Amino acid sequence: MIRQPIISKNLRVRHPEFFEIGEGSIIDDFSYFSARVTVGRFCHIASGCTIAGGDKRQFTLRDFSSLSSGVRVWCTSDDFVHDVIAIFPQSWPQVKENLITGDVTLERFTGVGANSVIMPRNHVPEGTVIGALSFVPPHFEFRPWSVYAGTPVRIVKPRDRDSVLRQWDVLERQLRNESADSCR
């Protein structure tokens, strides 16, 4: 049985041609996407999230992951110290010299707590979670299967990989059983 994604009608996607969402995933009200977006299977993006960065930048949320309400992911950001902080027509020359830009990927079994901010050029490895109200600077080095929190973010403790994967095994068996039942 394939579960259709649930996508709020109160969602803004600036580049729908670069928007993909996997089976069983949910995107709640009042979220905004202006980057290329790929959401895996059985993911949840809660209300009021922003994924920004333009059509040249990619945000990827892999299977079984989530963003809590109010998370902000920036795939592009102005340099507030060295550059003009404004938006100009595309036909004008690009004068900004220090844009902070790069793709952001969250691997499987990851999660980001409410109102956290993730800056460009970040790769969050499998099993890593980020606590609420955290700030992730550009190109932060994470360890897989760890818990991070704070402003700026820092490691708090290891995450119980065995427990998470044991729970996932139960769910995976259920998915296989449902799939086999639907083929009969």
N, C-alpha and C. Protein backbone atom coordinates (compact mmCIF):
# COMPACT_ATOMS: atom_id res chain seq x y z
N MET A 1 0.84 -1.18 0.00
CA MET A 1 0.00 0.00 0.00
C MET A 1 0.89 1.25 0.00
N ILE A 2 0.75 2.07 -1.01
CA ILE A 2 1.52 3.31 -1.08
C ILE A 2 0.71 4.41 -0.40
N ARG A 3 1.36 5.13 0.49
CA ARG A 3 0.71 6.22 1.20
C ARG A 3 1.04 7.54 0.50
N GLN A 4 0.00 8.20 0.06
CA GLN A 4 0.20 9.48 -0.61
C GLN A 4 0.71 10.51 0.38
N PRO A 5 1.59 11.40 -0.06
CA PRO A 5 2.02 12.47 0.84
C PRO A 5 0.85 13.41 1.13
N ILE A 6 0.95 14.08 2.26
CA ILE A 6 -0.06 15.08 2.63
C ILE A 6 0.64 16.43 2.59
N ILE A 7 0.15 17.31 1.73
CA ILE A 7 0.76 18.63 1.56
C ILE A 7 -0.31 19.68 1.82
N SER A 8 -0.05 20.56 2.77
CA SER A 8 -1.01 21.60 3.10
C SER A 8 -1.32 22.48 1.89
N LYS A 9 -2.56 22.93 1.84
CA LYS A 9 -2.94 23.91 0.81
C LYS A 9 -2.38 25.29 1.13
N ASN A 10 -1.97 25.48 2.39
CA ASN A 10 -1.43 26.76 2.84
C ASN A 10 0.10 26.72 2.82
N LEU A 11 0.65 26.33 1.70
CA LEU A 11 2.09 26.15 1.52
C LEU A 11 2.51 27.00 0.33
N ARG A 12 3.70 27.58 0.40
CA ARG A 12 4.21 28.34 -0.73
C ARG A 12 5.47 27.68 -1.24
N VAL A 13 5.47 27.31 -2.51
CA VAL A 13 6.62 26.70 -3.17
C VAL A 13 6.98 27.60 -4.35
N ARG A 14 8.10 28.29 -4.24
CA ARG A 14 8.48 29.24 -5.28
C ARG A 14 8.90 28.55 -6.58
N HIS A 15 9.50 27.37 -6.48
CA HIS A 15 9.97 26.65 -7.68
C HIS A 15 9.37 25.25 -7.70
N PRO A 16 8.08 25.11 -8.01
CA PRO A 16 7.43 23.79 -7.95
C PRO A 16 8.08 22.76 -8.87
N GLU A 17 8.75 23.20 -9.90
CA GLU A 17 9.42 22.26 -10.81
C GLU A 17 10.59 21.55 -10.14
N PHE A 18 11.05 22.07 -9.01
CA PHE A 18 12.17 21.48 -8.26
C PHE A 18 11.71 20.99 -6.88
N PHE A 19 10.46 20.59 -6.76
CA PHE A 19 9.89 20.17 -5.48
C PHE A 19 9.47 18.71 -5.57
N GLU A 20 10.05 17.84 -4.73
CA GLU A 20 9.71 16.42 -4.71
C GLU A 20 9.42 16.00 -3.27
N ILE A 21 8.39 15.18 -3.10
CA ILE A 21 8.05 14.68 -1.76
C ILE A 21 7.72 13.20 -1.85
N GLY A 22 8.26 12.43 -0.91
CA GLY A 22 8.12 10.99 -0.93
C GLY A 22 6.88 10.47 -0.23
N GLU A 23 6.69 9.18 -0.40
CA GLU A 23 5.55 8.45 0.15
C GLU A 23 5.39 8.67 1.66
N GLY A 24 4.16 8.92 2.07
CA GLY A 24 3.83 9.02 3.48
C GLY A 24 4.33 10.26 4.19
N SER A 25 4.94 11.19 3.48
CA SER A 25 5.47 12.41 4.12
C SER A 25 4.37 13.45 4.26
N ILE A 26 4.57 14.36 5.21
CA ILE A 26 3.59 15.41 5.50
C ILE A 26 4.31 16.75 5.58
N ILE A 27 3.71 17.76 4.94
CA ILE A 27 4.18 19.13 5.07
C ILE A 27 3.00 19.96 5.55
N ASP A 28 3.17 20.58 6.72
CA ASP A 28 2.09 21.31 7.37
C ASP A 28 1.96 22.75 6.87
N ASP A 29 0.93 23.42 7.41
CA ASP A 29 0.57 24.78 7.02
C ASP A 29 1.70 25.80 7.15
N PHE A 30 1.63 26.78 6.27
CA PHE A 30 2.40 28.02 6.34
C PHE A 30 3.90 27.82 6.26
N SER A 31 4.33 26.78 5.57
CA SER A 31 5.75 26.61 5.29
C SER A 31 6.05 27.25 3.93
N TYR A 32 7.32 27.62 3.75
CA TYR A 32 7.74 28.34 2.54
C TYR A 32 9.02 27.72 2.02
N PHE A 33 9.07 27.48 0.71
CA PHE A 33 10.23 26.87 0.07
C PHE A 33 10.65 27.70 -1.13
N SER A 34 11.90 28.17 -1.14
CA SER A 34 12.39 28.91 -2.31
C SER A 34 13.67 28.30 -2.86
N ALA A 35 14.05 27.12 -2.38
CA ALA A 35 15.19 26.39 -2.92
C ALA A 35 14.65 25.15 -3.63
N ARG A 36 15.53 24.39 -4.25
CA ARG A 36 15.17 23.06 -4.73
C ARG A 36 14.94 22.19 -3.50
N VAL A 37 13.88 21.43 -3.48
CA VAL A 37 13.54 20.66 -2.28
C VAL A 37 13.26 19.21 -2.66
N THR A 38 13.91 18.30 -1.93
CA THR A 38 13.62 16.87 -2.04
C THR A 38 13.35 16.35 -0.63
N VAL A 39 12.16 15.83 -0.42
CA VAL A 39 11.76 15.27 0.87
C VAL A 39 11.56 13.77 0.66
N GLY A 40 12.20 12.97 1.50
CA GLY A 40 12.13 11.52 1.38
C GLY A 40 10.82 10.94 1.89
N ARG A 41 10.83 9.64 2.14
CA ARG A 41 9.65 8.91 2.59
C ARG A 41 9.45 9.06 4.10
N PHE A 42 8.19 9.17 4.51
CA PHE A 42 7.79 9.20 5.91
C PHE A 42 8.52 10.29 6.70
N CYS A 43 8.56 11.46 6.11
CA CYS A 43 9.16 12.64 6.75
C CYS A 43 8.04 13.58 7.18
N HIS A 44 8.37 14.50 8.08
CA HIS A 44 7.40 15.50 8.52
C HIS A 44 8.09 16.85 8.58
N ILE A 45 7.50 17.83 7.90
CA ILE A 45 7.92 19.22 8.03
C ILE A 45 6.74 19.94 8.67
N ALA A 46 6.92 20.37 9.92
CA ALA A 46 5.84 20.96 10.70
C ALA A 46 5.54 22.38 10.23
N SER A 47 4.55 22.99 10.82
CA SER A 47 4.07 24.30 10.39
C SER A 47 5.12 25.39 10.53
N GLY A 48 5.06 26.33 9.60
CA GLY A 48 5.86 27.54 9.69
C GLY A 48 7.34 27.38 9.42
N CYS A 49 7.73 26.34 8.69
CA CYS A 49 9.16 26.17 8.36
C CYS A 49 9.50 26.95 7.09
N THR A 50 10.76 27.36 6.97
CA THR A 50 11.25 28.05 5.79
C THR A 50 12.50 27.33 5.30
N ILE A 51 12.51 27.02 4.01
CA ILE A 51 13.69 26.48 3.34
C ILE A 51 13.97 27.44 2.20
N ALA A 52 15.04 28.21 2.30
CA ALA A 52 15.29 29.27 1.33
C ALA A 52 16.68 29.16 0.73
N GLY A 53 16.83 29.74 -0.45
CA GLY A 53 18.14 29.76 -1.06
C GLY A 53 18.18 29.92 -2.56
N GLY A 54 17.03 29.92 -3.20
CA GLY A 54 17.00 30.12 -4.65
C GLY A 54 17.06 28.80 -5.42
N ASP A 55 16.76 28.90 -6.72
CA ASP A 55 16.62 27.70 -7.54
C ASP A 55 17.95 27.04 -7.92
N LYS A 56 19.05 27.58 -7.49
CA LYS A 56 20.36 26.96 -7.74
C LYS A 56 20.81 26.09 -6.57
N ARG A 57 20.15 26.19 -5.45
CA ARG A 57 20.55 25.49 -4.21
C ARG A 57 19.57 24.38 -3.87
N GLN A 58 20.09 23.30 -3.28
CA GLN A 58 19.30 22.11 -2.98
C GLN A 58 19.19 21.88 -1.48
N PHE A 59 17.96 21.62 -1.03
CA PHE A 59 17.71 21.13 0.33
C PHE A 59 17.19 19.71 0.20
N THR A 60 17.79 18.78 0.96
CA THR A 60 17.37 17.38 0.94
C THR A 60 17.11 16.91 2.36
N LEU A 61 15.92 16.35 2.57
CA LEU A 61 15.54 15.71 3.83
C LEU A 61 15.30 14.25 3.50
N ARG A 62 16.20 13.39 3.95
CA ARG A 62 16.11 11.97 3.60
C ARG A 62 15.05 11.26 4.48
N ASP A 63 14.76 10.02 4.13
CA ASP A 63 13.70 9.22 4.74
C ASP A 63 13.73 9.24 6.27
N PHE A 64 12.53 9.23 6.86
CA PHE A 64 12.29 9.06 8.30
C PHE A 64 12.91 10.18 9.12
N SER A 65 12.76 11.40 8.64
CA SER A 65 13.35 12.57 9.29
C SER A 65 12.29 13.64 9.47
N SER A 66 12.60 14.66 10.31
CA SER A 66 11.60 15.69 10.54
C SER A 66 12.21 17.03 10.89
N LEU A 67 11.44 18.07 10.57
CA LEU A 67 11.72 19.44 11.00
C LEU A 67 10.54 19.88 11.86
N SER A 68 10.79 20.34 13.08
CA SER A 68 9.74 20.84 13.95
C SER A 68 9.32 22.24 13.53
N SER A 69 8.26 22.74 14.12
CA SER A 69 7.70 24.05 13.75
C SER A 69 8.75 25.15 13.82
N GLY A 70 8.68 26.03 12.83
CA GLY A 70 9.49 27.23 12.84
C GLY A 70 10.95 27.06 12.47
N VAL A 71 11.35 25.89 12.00
CA VAL A 71 12.75 25.69 11.60
C VAL A 71 13.04 26.52 10.36
N ARG A 72 14.22 27.11 10.31
CA ARG A 72 14.69 27.89 9.17
C ARG A 72 15.95 27.24 8.63
N VAL A 73 15.94 26.89 7.35
CA VAL A 73 17.12 26.35 6.69
C VAL A 73 17.48 27.31 5.57
N TRP A 74 18.69 27.85 5.64
CA TRP A 74 19.16 28.81 4.65
C TRP A 74 20.22 28.13 3.78
N CYS A 75 19.92 27.98 2.50
CA CYS A 75 20.91 27.48 1.55
C CYS A 75 21.70 28.63 0.94
N THR A 76 21.21 29.84 1.13
CA THR A 76 21.92 31.06 0.74
C THR A 76 21.61 32.14 1.77
N SER A 77 22.65 32.88 2.14
CA SER A 77 22.47 33.98 3.09
C SER A 77 23.40 35.12 2.71
N ASP A 78 22.95 36.33 2.95
CA ASP A 78 23.83 37.48 2.78
C ASP A 78 24.91 37.46 3.84
N ASP A 79 26.05 38.03 3.51
CA ASP A 79 27.11 38.29 4.48
C ASP A 79 26.81 39.67 5.06
N PHE A 80 26.36 39.71 6.31
CA PHE A 80 25.89 40.95 6.92
C PHE A 80 27.03 41.93 7.23
N VAL A 81 28.25 41.48 7.18
CA VAL A 81 29.39 42.35 7.47
C VAL A 81 29.90 43.03 6.20
N HIS A 82 29.97 42.30 5.09
CA HIS A 82 30.68 42.79 3.91
C HIS A 82 29.81 43.19 2.73
N ASP A 83 28.54 42.79 2.72
CA ASP A 83 27.74 42.98 1.52
C ASP A 83 26.49 43.81 1.77
N VAL A 84 25.94 44.33 0.66
CA VAL A 84 24.64 44.98 0.67
C VAL A 84 23.61 43.92 1.03
N ILE A 85 22.67 44.26 1.88
CA ILE A 85 21.65 43.30 2.30
C ILE A 85 20.32 43.76 1.73
N ALA A 86 20.08 43.34 0.49
CA ALA A 86 18.85 43.70 -0.22
C ALA A 86 18.69 42.74 -1.39
N ILE A 87 17.51 42.75 -1.97
CA ILE A 87 17.24 41.94 -3.16
C ILE A 87 17.04 42.89 -4.32
N PHE A 88 17.69 42.57 -5.44
CA PHE A 88 17.63 43.40 -6.64
C PHE A 88 17.05 42.60 -7.79
N PRO A 89 16.54 43.27 -8.82
CA PRO A 89 16.03 42.54 -9.99
C PRO A 89 17.13 41.66 -10.60
N GLN A 90 16.71 40.51 -11.13
CA GLN A 90 17.68 39.58 -11.71
C GLN A 90 18.45 40.20 -12.88
N SER A 91 17.84 41.17 -13.55
CA SER A 91 18.50 41.80 -14.70
C SER A 91 19.65 42.73 -14.28
N TRP A 92 19.70 43.09 -13.00
CA TRP A 92 20.79 43.95 -12.51
C TRP A 92 22.04 43.12 -12.29
N PRO A 93 23.20 43.78 -12.28
CA PRO A 93 24.43 43.03 -12.04
C PRO A 93 24.47 42.47 -10.61
N GLN A 94 25.06 41.29 -10.46
CA GLN A 94 25.25 40.68 -9.14
C GLN A 94 26.46 41.34 -8.50
N VAL A 95 26.24 42.17 -7.50
CA VAL A 95 27.33 42.91 -6.87
C VAL A 95 27.78 42.30 -5.54
N LYS A 96 26.97 41.44 -4.98
CA LYS A 96 27.34 40.84 -3.70
C LYS A 96 28.57 39.95 -3.89
N GLU A 97 29.59 40.19 -3.07
CA GLU A 97 30.87 39.50 -3.23
C GLU A 97 31.06 38.36 -2.24
N ASN A 98 30.24 38.28 -1.22
CA ASN A 98 30.51 37.34 -0.13
C ASN A 98 29.29 36.51 0.28
N LEU A 99 28.41 36.20 -0.68
CA LEU A 99 27.25 35.39 -0.34
C LEU A 99 27.70 34.11 0.36
N ILE A 100 26.96 33.71 1.37
CA ILE A 100 27.18 32.44 2.05
C ILE A 100 26.19 31.48 1.43
N THR A 101 26.68 30.50 0.67
CA THR A 101 25.78 29.67 -0.11
C THR A 101 26.27 28.23 -0.19
N GLY A 102 25.32 27.30 -0.22
CA GLY A 102 25.65 25.89 -0.35
C GLY A 102 24.45 25.03 0.01
N ASP A 103 24.42 23.84 -0.53
CA ASP A 103 23.32 22.92 -0.29
C ASP A 103 23.28 22.46 1.16
N VAL A 104 22.10 22.04 1.61
CA VAL A 104 21.92 21.50 2.96
C VAL A 104 21.23 20.14 2.83
N THR A 105 21.82 19.12 3.47
CA THR A 105 21.27 17.77 3.44
C THR A 105 21.15 17.23 4.85
N LEU A 106 20.00 16.66 5.16
CA LEU A 106 19.79 15.92 6.41
C LEU A 106 19.55 14.47 6.02
N GLU A 107 20.41 13.59 6.50
CA GLU A 107 20.33 12.17 6.16
C GLU A 107 19.19 11.48 6.92
N ARG A 108 19.05 10.17 6.74
CA ARG A 108 17.97 9.38 7.37
C ARG A 108 18.02 9.47 8.89
N PHE A 109 16.83 9.39 9.49
CA PHE A 109 16.66 9.34 10.95
C PHE A 109 17.18 10.60 11.65
N THR A 110 17.09 11.75 10.99
CA THR A 110 17.51 13.01 11.59
C THR A 110 16.29 13.81 12.02
N GLY A 111 16.52 14.77 12.90
CA GLY A 111 15.45 15.64 13.34
C GLY A 111 16.01 16.98 13.78
N VAL A 112 15.20 18.02 13.60
CA VAL A 112 15.60 19.37 13.99
C VAL A 112 14.48 19.94 14.86
N GLY A 113 14.84 20.40 16.07
CA GLY A 113 13.87 20.94 17.02
C GLY A 113 13.35 22.31 16.62
N ALA A 114 12.24 22.69 17.23
CA ALA A 114 11.52 23.92 16.90
C ALA A 114 12.41 25.15 16.93
N ASN A 115 12.17 26.02 15.96
CA ASN A 115 12.78 27.34 15.85
C ASN A 115 14.31 27.31 15.76
N SER A 116 14.86 26.23 15.28
CA SER A 116 16.30 26.17 15.02
C SER A 116 16.61 26.78 13.67
N VAL A 117 17.86 27.19 13.49
CA VAL A 117 18.33 27.78 12.24
C VAL A 117 19.54 27.00 11.76
N ILE A 118 19.49 26.58 10.50
CA ILE A 118 20.61 25.89 9.87
C ILE A 118 21.09 26.74 8.70
N MET A 119 22.36 27.09 8.74
CA MET A 119 22.96 27.93 7.69
C MET A 119 23.48 27.05 6.54
N PRO A 120 23.91 27.68 5.44
CA PRO A 120 24.33 26.93 4.24
C PRO A 120 25.53 26.00 4.47
N ARG A 121 25.68 25.11 3.49
CA ARG A 121 26.82 24.18 3.41
C ARG A 121 26.85 23.22 4.59
N ASN A 122 25.71 22.67 4.95
CA ASN A 122 25.68 21.72 6.06
C ASN A 122 25.18 20.36 5.60
N HIS A 123 25.84 19.35 6.12
CA HIS A 123 25.46 17.96 5.89
C HIS A 123 25.28 17.33 7.27
N VAL A 124 24.03 17.01 7.61
CA VAL A 124 23.70 16.42 8.90
C VAL A 124 23.65 14.90 8.69
N PRO A 125 24.59 14.16 9.29
CA PRO A 125 24.68 12.73 9.01
C PRO A 125 23.57 11.91 9.66
N GLU A 126 23.44 10.67 9.22
CA GLU A 126 22.40 9.76 9.68
C GLU A 126 22.31 9.73 11.20
N GLY A 127 21.05 9.78 11.69
CA GLY A 127 20.79 9.63 13.11
C GLY A 127 21.06 10.83 13.97
N THR A 128 21.50 11.92 13.40
CA THR A 128 21.84 13.12 14.17
C THR A 128 20.60 13.95 14.41
N VAL A 129 20.45 14.47 15.63
CA VAL A 129 19.34 15.36 15.94
C VAL A 129 19.87 16.68 16.51
N ILE A 130 19.10 17.74 16.26
CA ILE A 130 19.46 19.09 16.69
C ILE A 130 18.32 19.60 17.56
N GLY A 131 18.63 19.99 18.78
CA GLY A 131 17.63 20.45 19.73
C GLY A 131 16.99 21.78 19.35
N ALA A 132 15.87 22.07 19.98
CA ALA A 132 15.12 23.31 19.73
C ALA A 132 15.98 24.54 20.00
N LEU A 133 15.69 25.60 19.25
CA LEU A 133 16.33 26.91 19.41
C LEU A 133 17.84 26.88 19.18
N SER A 134 18.30 25.96 18.36
CA SER A 134 19.73 25.85 18.07
C SER A 134 20.10 26.65 16.83
N PHE A 135 21.38 27.03 16.75
CA PHE A 135 21.92 27.72 15.58
C PHE A 135 23.09 26.90 15.05
N VAL A 136 22.98 26.50 13.78
CA VAL A 136 24.03 25.73 13.12
C VAL A 136 24.75 26.66 12.14
N PRO A 137 26.01 27.03 12.42
CA PRO A 137 26.75 27.92 11.51
C PRO A 137 27.07 27.23 10.19
N PRO A 138 27.49 27.99 9.19
CA PRO A 138 27.83 27.37 7.91
C PRO A 138 28.91 26.30 8.07
N HIS A 139 28.73 25.21 7.35
CA HIS A 139 29.70 24.12 7.25
C HIS A 139 30.16 23.60 8.61
N PHE A 140 29.20 23.27 9.44
CA PHE A 140 29.50 22.70 10.76
C PHE A 140 29.81 21.21 10.59
N GLU A 141 30.74 20.69 11.35
CA GLU A 141 31.12 19.27 11.28
C GLU A 141 30.36 18.47 12.35
N PHE A 142 29.42 17.64 11.91
CA PHE A 142 28.63 16.80 12.80
C PHE A 142 29.21 15.39 12.88
N ARG A 143 28.92 14.71 13.98
CA ARG A 143 29.17 13.27 14.10
C ARG A 143 27.84 12.56 13.92
N PRO A 144 27.83 11.41 13.22
CA PRO A 144 26.58 10.68 13.10
C PRO A 144 26.09 10.18 14.45
N TRP A 145 24.78 9.97 14.54
CA TRP A 145 24.13 9.39 15.72
C TRP A 145 24.51 10.15 16.99
N SER A 146 24.36 11.47 16.92
CA SER A 146 24.66 12.34 18.07
C SER A 146 23.55 13.35 18.25
N VAL A 147 23.45 13.88 19.47
CA VAL A 147 22.49 14.93 19.81
C VAL A 147 23.26 16.23 19.95
N TYR A 148 22.78 17.28 19.27
CA TYR A 148 23.39 18.60 19.31
C TYR A 148 22.35 19.61 19.79
N ALA A 149 22.81 20.68 20.42
CA ALA A 149 21.91 21.77 20.82
C ALA A 149 22.75 23.00 21.12
N GLY A 150 22.09 24.15 21.15
CA GLY A 150 22.74 25.38 21.57
C GLY A 150 22.92 26.40 20.48
N THR A 151 23.41 27.56 20.91
CA THR A 151 23.65 28.68 20.01
C THR A 151 25.03 29.25 20.31
N PRO A 152 26.06 28.91 19.52
CA PRO A 152 26.01 27.98 18.40
C PRO A 152 25.90 26.54 18.88
N VAL A 153 25.50 25.67 17.94
CA VAL A 153 25.27 24.27 18.26
C VAL A 153 26.55 23.59 18.74
N ARG A 154 26.38 22.65 19.68
CA ARG A 154 27.52 21.85 20.17
C ARG A 154 26.97 20.46 20.52
N ILE A 155 27.86 19.51 20.58
CA ILE A 155 27.44 18.14 20.87
C ILE A 155 26.99 18.04 22.33
N VAL A 156 25.90 17.31 22.55
CA VAL A 156 25.36 17.11 23.90
C VAL A 156 25.68 15.69 24.37
N LYS A 157 25.36 14.70 23.52
CA LYS A 157 25.63 13.31 23.88
C LYS A 157 25.37 12.43 22.65
N PRO A 158 25.79 11.17 22.73
CA PRO A 158 25.48 10.24 21.64
C PRO A 158 23.99 9.92 21.63
N ARG A 159 23.48 9.56 20.46
CA ARG A 159 22.09 9.12 20.33
C ARG A 159 22.09 7.59 20.32
N ASP A 160 21.05 7.00 20.85
CA ASP A 160 20.96 5.55 20.98
C ASP A 160 20.58 4.92 19.63
N ARG A 161 21.59 4.68 18.83
CA ARG A 161 21.41 4.13 17.48
C ARG A 161 20.68 2.79 17.52
N ASP A 162 21.10 1.90 18.42
CA ASP A 162 20.50 0.56 18.51
C ASP A 162 19.00 0.64 18.79
N SER A 163 18.60 1.51 19.70
CA SER A 163 17.19 1.67 20.03
C SER A 163 16.39 2.19 18.84
N VAL A 164 16.92 3.22 18.16
CA VAL A 164 16.22 3.80 17.01
C VAL A 164 16.07 2.75 15.91
N LEU A 165 17.14 2.03 15.60
CA LEU A 165 17.08 1.05 14.52
C LEU A 165 16.22 -0.16 14.90
N ARG A 166 16.17 -0.52 16.17
CA ARG A 166 15.29 -1.60 16.62
C ARG A 166 13.82 -1.19 16.39
N GLN A 167 13.50 0.06 16.71
CA GLN A 167 12.14 0.56 16.47
C GLN A 167 11.85 0.59 14.97
N TRP A 168 12.84 1.00 14.21
CA TRP A 168 12.66 1.07 12.76
C TRP A 168 12.43 -0.33 12.18
N ASP A 169 13.11 -1.35 12.70
CA ASP A 169 12.91 -2.71 12.21
C ASP A 169 11.45 -3.14 12.33
N VAL A 170 10.80 -2.79 13.43
CA VAL A 170 9.37 -3.12 13.62
C VAL A 170 8.54 -2.44 12.53
N LEU A 171 8.82 -1.17 12.28
CA LEU A 171 8.07 -0.41 11.28
C LEU A 171 8.35 -0.94 9.87
N GLU A 172 9.58 -1.30 9.62
CA GLU A 172 9.94 -1.82 8.29
C GLU A 172 9.22 -3.15 8.02
N ARG A 173 9.13 -4.01 9.02
CA ARG A 173 8.37 -5.26 8.86
C ARG A 173 6.90 -4.97 8.53
N GLN A 174 6.33 -3.98 9.22
CA GLN A 174 4.94 -3.59 8.95
C GLN A 174 4.79 -3.12 7.50
N LEU A 175 5.72 -2.32 7.01
CA LEU A 175 5.66 -1.85 5.63
C LEU A 175 5.75 -3.02 4.65
N ARG A 176 6.65 -3.96 4.92
CA ARG A 176 6.79 -5.13 4.03
C ARG A 176 5.51 -5.96 4.05
N ASN A 177 4.92 -6.17 5.24
CA ASN A 177 3.68 -6.94 5.34
C ASN A 177 2.55 -6.28 4.57
N GLU A 178 2.42 -4.96 4.70
CA GLU A 178 1.37 -4.25 3.99
C GLU A 178 1.60 -4.33 2.48
N SER A 179 2.85 -4.24 2.06
CA SER A 179 3.18 -4.32 0.66
C SER A 179 2.84 -5.70 0.11
N ALA A 180 3.17 -6.75 0.85
CA ALA A 180 2.86 -8.11 0.43
C ALA A 180 1.35 -8.32 0.37
N ASP A 181 0.61 -7.77 1.35
CA ASP A 181 -0.84 -7.91 1.36
C ASP A 181 -1.49 -7.22 0.16
N SER A 182 -0.95 -6.08 -0.23
CA SER A 182 -1.54 -5.34 -1.34
C SER A 182 -1.25 -6.01 -2.69
N CYS A 183 -0.23 -6.87 -2.74
CA CYS A 183 0.10 -7.57 -3.99
C CYS A 183 -0.76 -8.82 -4.18
N ARG A 184 -1.48 -9.23 -3.16
CA ARG A 184 -2.29 -10.45 -3.26
C ARG A 184 -3.60 -10.21 -3.93
